[in-house]
Amino acid sequence: MADALATLAFMFEMDKESDIDGEYPIGATENNKRTLRRLAGGKEAKDTLEDIHEGIFGTHASGPNMARKILKARYYWLKMEADCCEHVKRCHKCQIYVDNIRTPPTPLNMLLAPWPFAMWGIDVIRPIEPKASNGHRFILVVIDYFTKWVKASSYPSVTKNVVVKFIKRDLICRYGVPSLTDNGANLNNKMMMALYE
């Protein structure tokens, strides 16, 4: 096989006019410059970015690592590394799960409940699939910070009225008005303020 390739190499003569001056990204090694790469542009570059970053074997790599993977896949275009870094900045999953090693540590604030049923954590469990037999898809959960006691109730949809009715019926009428609840978006409305007053 090697002899056949060597023979083929001698059969083709290239003149100096056919020589191509290659353009390579900053940081490309001499080994990288020896291989031929396909110059991708426009849609092909975008598709390559998305496939390498979040395709079947995509690992949501950082910008420079993704540029190296594209080079290994034998693709290249000008401003490739800048495009990779920009793509990572726009990737929603990368922004959520990124390991922020440069963020300064912040102290944790311990919330100590002074007595039972004074402080509550209230949350909604997102739509569960499949639906329950009664058609309910959401679970409203409250947890007492002091005793860790849990109260849960399921609903077909969670609205302001449902949350207010649940808190009035299952918390306030049984245990009194809590002095503090967590800052959930479903608790910051006029109906809740009127209920607490």
Protein backbone atom coordinates (compact mmCIF):
# COMPACT_ATOMS: atom_id res chain seq x y z
CA MET A 1 0.00 0.00 0.00
CA ALA A 2 2.77 2.43 0.91
CA ASP A 3 4.56 1.71 -2.39
CA ALA A 4 1.40 2.44 -4.36
CA LEU A 5 0.96 5.79 -2.59
CA ALA A 6 4.59 6.71 -3.20
CA THR A 7 4.20 5.87 -6.89
CA LEU A 8 1.06 8.01 -7.10
CA ALA A 9 2.86 10.92 -5.46
CA PHE A 10 5.55 10.87 -8.15
CA MET A 11 3.00 10.71 -10.96
CA PHE A 12 1.54 14.13 -10.19
CA GLU A 13 3.78 17.11 -10.76
CA MET A 14 2.65 20.42 -9.34
CA ASP A 15 4.07 23.72 -10.45
CA LYS A 16 4.75 26.61 -8.08
CA GLU A 17 1.63 28.48 -9.26
CA SER A 18 -0.58 25.68 -7.90
CA ASP A 19 0.97 25.93 -4.46
CA ILE A 20 -1.49 27.08 -1.82
CA ASP A 21 -0.43 29.42 0.96
CA GLY A 22 -2.27 28.09 3.98
CA GLU A 23 -3.89 30.24 6.64
CA TYR A 24 -3.96 28.74 10.10
CA PRO A 25 -5.43 29.85 13.41
CA ILE A 26 -3.24 31.29 16.12
CA GLY A 27 -1.79 28.48 18.19
CA ALA A 28 -1.90 25.90 15.38
CA THR A 29 1.10 23.60 15.74
CA GLU A 30 3.37 22.56 12.89
CA ASN A 31 1.74 19.15 13.02
CA ASN A 32 -1.68 20.77 12.49
CA LYS A 33 -0.33 22.76 9.54
CA ARG A 34 0.77 19.58 7.74
CA THR A 35 -2.75 18.24 7.28
CA LEU A 36 -5.32 19.40 4.75
CA ARG A 37 -8.46 20.92 6.21
CA ARG A 38 -11.77 21.74 4.63
CA LEU A 39 -12.47 25.47 4.67
CA ALA A 40 -15.99 25.73 6.01
CA GLY A 41 -18.07 28.83 5.61
CA GLY A 42 -21.51 30.14 6.48
CA LYS A 43 -24.08 27.43 7.11
CA GLU A 44 -21.51 24.62 7.04
CA ALA A 45 -19.49 26.31 9.80
CA LYS A 46 -22.65 26.83 11.89
CA ASP A 47 -23.73 23.21 11.42
CA THR A 48 -20.24 21.98 12.33
CA LEU A 49 -20.24 24.14 15.47
CA GLU A 50 -23.61 22.81 16.62
CA ASP A 51 -22.78 19.20 15.79
CA ILE A 52 -19.41 19.23 17.59
CA HIS A 53 -20.82 21.13 20.58
CA GLU A 54 -24.17 19.45 21.18
CA GLY A 55 -24.49 16.66 18.63
CA ILE A 56 -24.55 12.93 19.35
CA PHE A 57 -21.02 12.96 20.73
CA GLY A 58 -21.08 16.61 21.82
CA THR A 59 -19.73 17.21 25.30
CA HIS A 60 -20.54 20.94 25.58
CA ALA A 61 -16.81 21.70 25.56
CA SER A 62 -15.40 25.18 26.14
CA GLY A 63 -14.57 27.46 23.20
CA PRO A 64 -10.85 26.58 22.77
CA ASN A 65 -11.49 22.86 23.29
CA MET A 66 -14.28 22.93 20.74
CA ALA A 67 -11.97 24.66 18.23
CA ARG A 68 -9.42 21.86 18.71
CA LYS A 69 -12.12 19.24 18.14
CA ILE A 70 -13.15 20.98 14.91
CA LEU A 71 -9.52 21.00 13.77
CA LYS A 72 -9.30 17.27 14.54
CA ALA A 73 -12.41 16.76 12.42
CA ARG A 74 -10.40 18.43 9.60
CA TYR A 75 -12.47 21.61 9.32
CA TYR A 76 -11.23 25.17 9.49
CA TRP A 77 -12.45 28.75 8.94
CA LEU A 78 -11.20 32.17 9.86
CA LYS A 79 -12.24 33.36 13.35
CA MET A 80 -13.09 29.74 14.23
CA GLU A 81 -12.02 30.01 17.87
CA ALA A 82 -13.90 33.30 18.34
CA ASP A 83 -17.01 31.69 16.84
CA CYS A 84 -16.61 28.72 19.21
CA CYS A 85 -16.34 30.99 22.27
CA GLU A 86 -19.38 32.97 21.12
CA HIS A 87 -21.37 29.76 20.58
CA VAL A 88 -20.54 28.56 24.10
CA LYS A 89 -21.69 31.92 25.54
CA ARG A 90 -25.05 31.51 23.76
CA CYS A 91 -25.53 27.86 24.81
CA HIS A 92 -28.21 27.72 27.51
CA LYS A 93 -27.04 24.41 29.03
CA CYS A 94 -23.43 25.60 29.21
CA GLN A 95 -24.49 28.71 31.10
CA ILE A 96 -26.58 26.73 33.59
CA TYR A 97 -24.12 23.93 34.32
CA VAL A 98 -20.82 25.79 33.87
CA ASP A 99 -18.27 25.31 36.61
CA ASN A 100 -17.70 28.88 37.74
CA ILE A 101 -14.23 28.59 39.22
CA ARG A 102 -13.69 32.36 39.15
CA THR A 103 -16.78 33.33 41.11
CA PRO A 104 -15.95 34.50 44.60
CA PRO A 105 -17.22 32.30 47.41
CA THR A 106 -20.23 33.69 49.23
CA PRO A 107 -21.18 32.81 52.78
CA LEU A 108 -24.24 30.64 53.25
CA ASN A 109 -26.99 32.16 55.36
CA MET A 110 -28.52 29.66 57.74
CA LEU A 111 -32.22 30.13 58.34
CA LEU A 112 -33.03 28.92 61.81
CA ALA A 113 -36.69 28.56 62.57
CA PRO A 114 -37.41 29.72 66.15
CA TRP A 115 -40.29 27.28 66.68
CA PRO A 116 -42.40 24.80 64.71
CA PHE A 117 -44.64 26.12 61.93
CA ALA A 118 -43.13 29.63 61.95
CA MET A 119 -41.16 29.30 58.69
CA TRP A 120 -42.26 27.42 55.59
CA GLY A 121 -40.73 26.48 52.28
CA ILE A 122 -43.33 26.40 49.51
CA ASP A 123 -42.69 25.02 46.04
CA VAL A 124 -44.45 23.57 42.99
CA ILE A 125 -43.22 20.34 41.44
CA ARG A 126 -43.29 20.78 37.69
CA PRO A 127 -45.66 18.90 35.40
CA ILE A 128 -45.41 15.19 36.03
CA GLU A 129 -45.79 12.78 33.14
CA PRO A 130 -47.90 10.80 32.71
CA LYS A 131 -50.81 12.57 34.37
CA ALA A 132 -52.29 11.10 37.52
CA SER A 133 -55.50 9.08 37.22
CA ASN A 134 -57.50 12.15 38.29
CA GLY A 135 -55.82 14.34 35.64
CA HIS A 136 -53.55 16.21 38.05
CA ARG A 137 -50.10 17.23 36.77
CA PHE A 138 -48.69 19.56 39.47
CA ILE A 139 -47.84 18.99 43.12
CA LEU A 140 -47.81 21.87 45.58
CA VAL A 141 -45.47 21.10 48.48
CA VAL A 142 -44.89 22.94 51.76
CA ILE A 143 -42.16 22.03 54.25
CA ASP A 144 -41.79 23.35 57.79
CA TYR A 145 -38.16 24.44 58.35
CA PHE A 146 -38.16 23.49 62.02
CA THR A 147 -39.77 20.02 62.06
CA LYS A 148 -39.22 19.12 58.37
CA TRP A 149 -42.90 18.20 58.23
CA VAL A 150 -44.21 17.98 54.65
CA LYS A 151 -47.67 18.69 53.29
CA ALA A 152 -48.36 18.04 49.60
CA SER A 153 -51.40 18.32 47.38
CA SER A 154 -51.86 17.69 43.64
CA TYR A 155 -53.64 19.96 41.16
CA PRO A 156 -54.42 19.93 37.42
CA SER A 157 -52.91 23.44 37.13
CA VAL A 158 -51.35 25.80 39.65
CA THR A 159 -52.75 29.33 39.63
CA LYS A 160 -52.65 32.18 42.14
CA ASN A 161 -56.11 31.21 43.39
CA VAL A 162 -55.06 27.58 43.95
CA VAL A 163 -51.97 28.60 45.94
CA VAL A 164 -53.91 31.10 48.07
CA LYS A 165 -56.68 28.57 48.78
CA PHE A 166 -54.10 25.87 49.68
CA ILE A 167 -52.20 28.16 52.06
CA LYS A 168 -55.38 29.44 53.69
CA ARG A 169 -56.97 25.98 54.10
CA ASP A 170 -53.92 23.83 54.90
CA LEU A 171 -51.52 26.23 56.65
CA ILE A 172 -53.11 29.32 58.14
CA CYS A 173 -56.32 27.68 59.41
CA ARG A 174 -54.33 24.84 61.02
CA TYR A 175 -51.05 26.41 62.17
CA GLY A 176 -51.48 30.19 62.00
CA VAL A 177 -49.86 32.75 59.71
CA PRO A 178 -46.19 31.88 59.08
CA SER A 179 -43.69 34.60 59.92
CA LEU A 180 -41.58 33.78 56.86
CA THR A 181 -41.97 31.88 53.59
CA ASP A 182 -39.45 31.40 50.81
CA ASN A 183 -39.41 33.99 48.02
CA GLY A 184 -41.19 31.95 45.35
CA ALA A 185 -42.59 33.73 42.29
CA ASN A 186 -46.01 32.21 42.93
CA LEU A 187 -46.05 33.83 46.40
CA ASN A 188 -45.26 37.38 45.29
CA ASN A 189 -48.64 38.71 44.26
CA LYS A 190 -51.41 40.96 45.58
CA MET A 191 -53.66 38.06 46.57
CA MET A 192 -50.96 36.67 48.89
CA MET A 193 -50.38 40.09 50.45
CA ALA A 194 -54.11 40.46 51.07
CA LEU A 195 -54.23 36.98 52.60
CA TYR A 196 -51.37 37.71 55.01
CA GLU A 197 -52.91 41.03 56.08
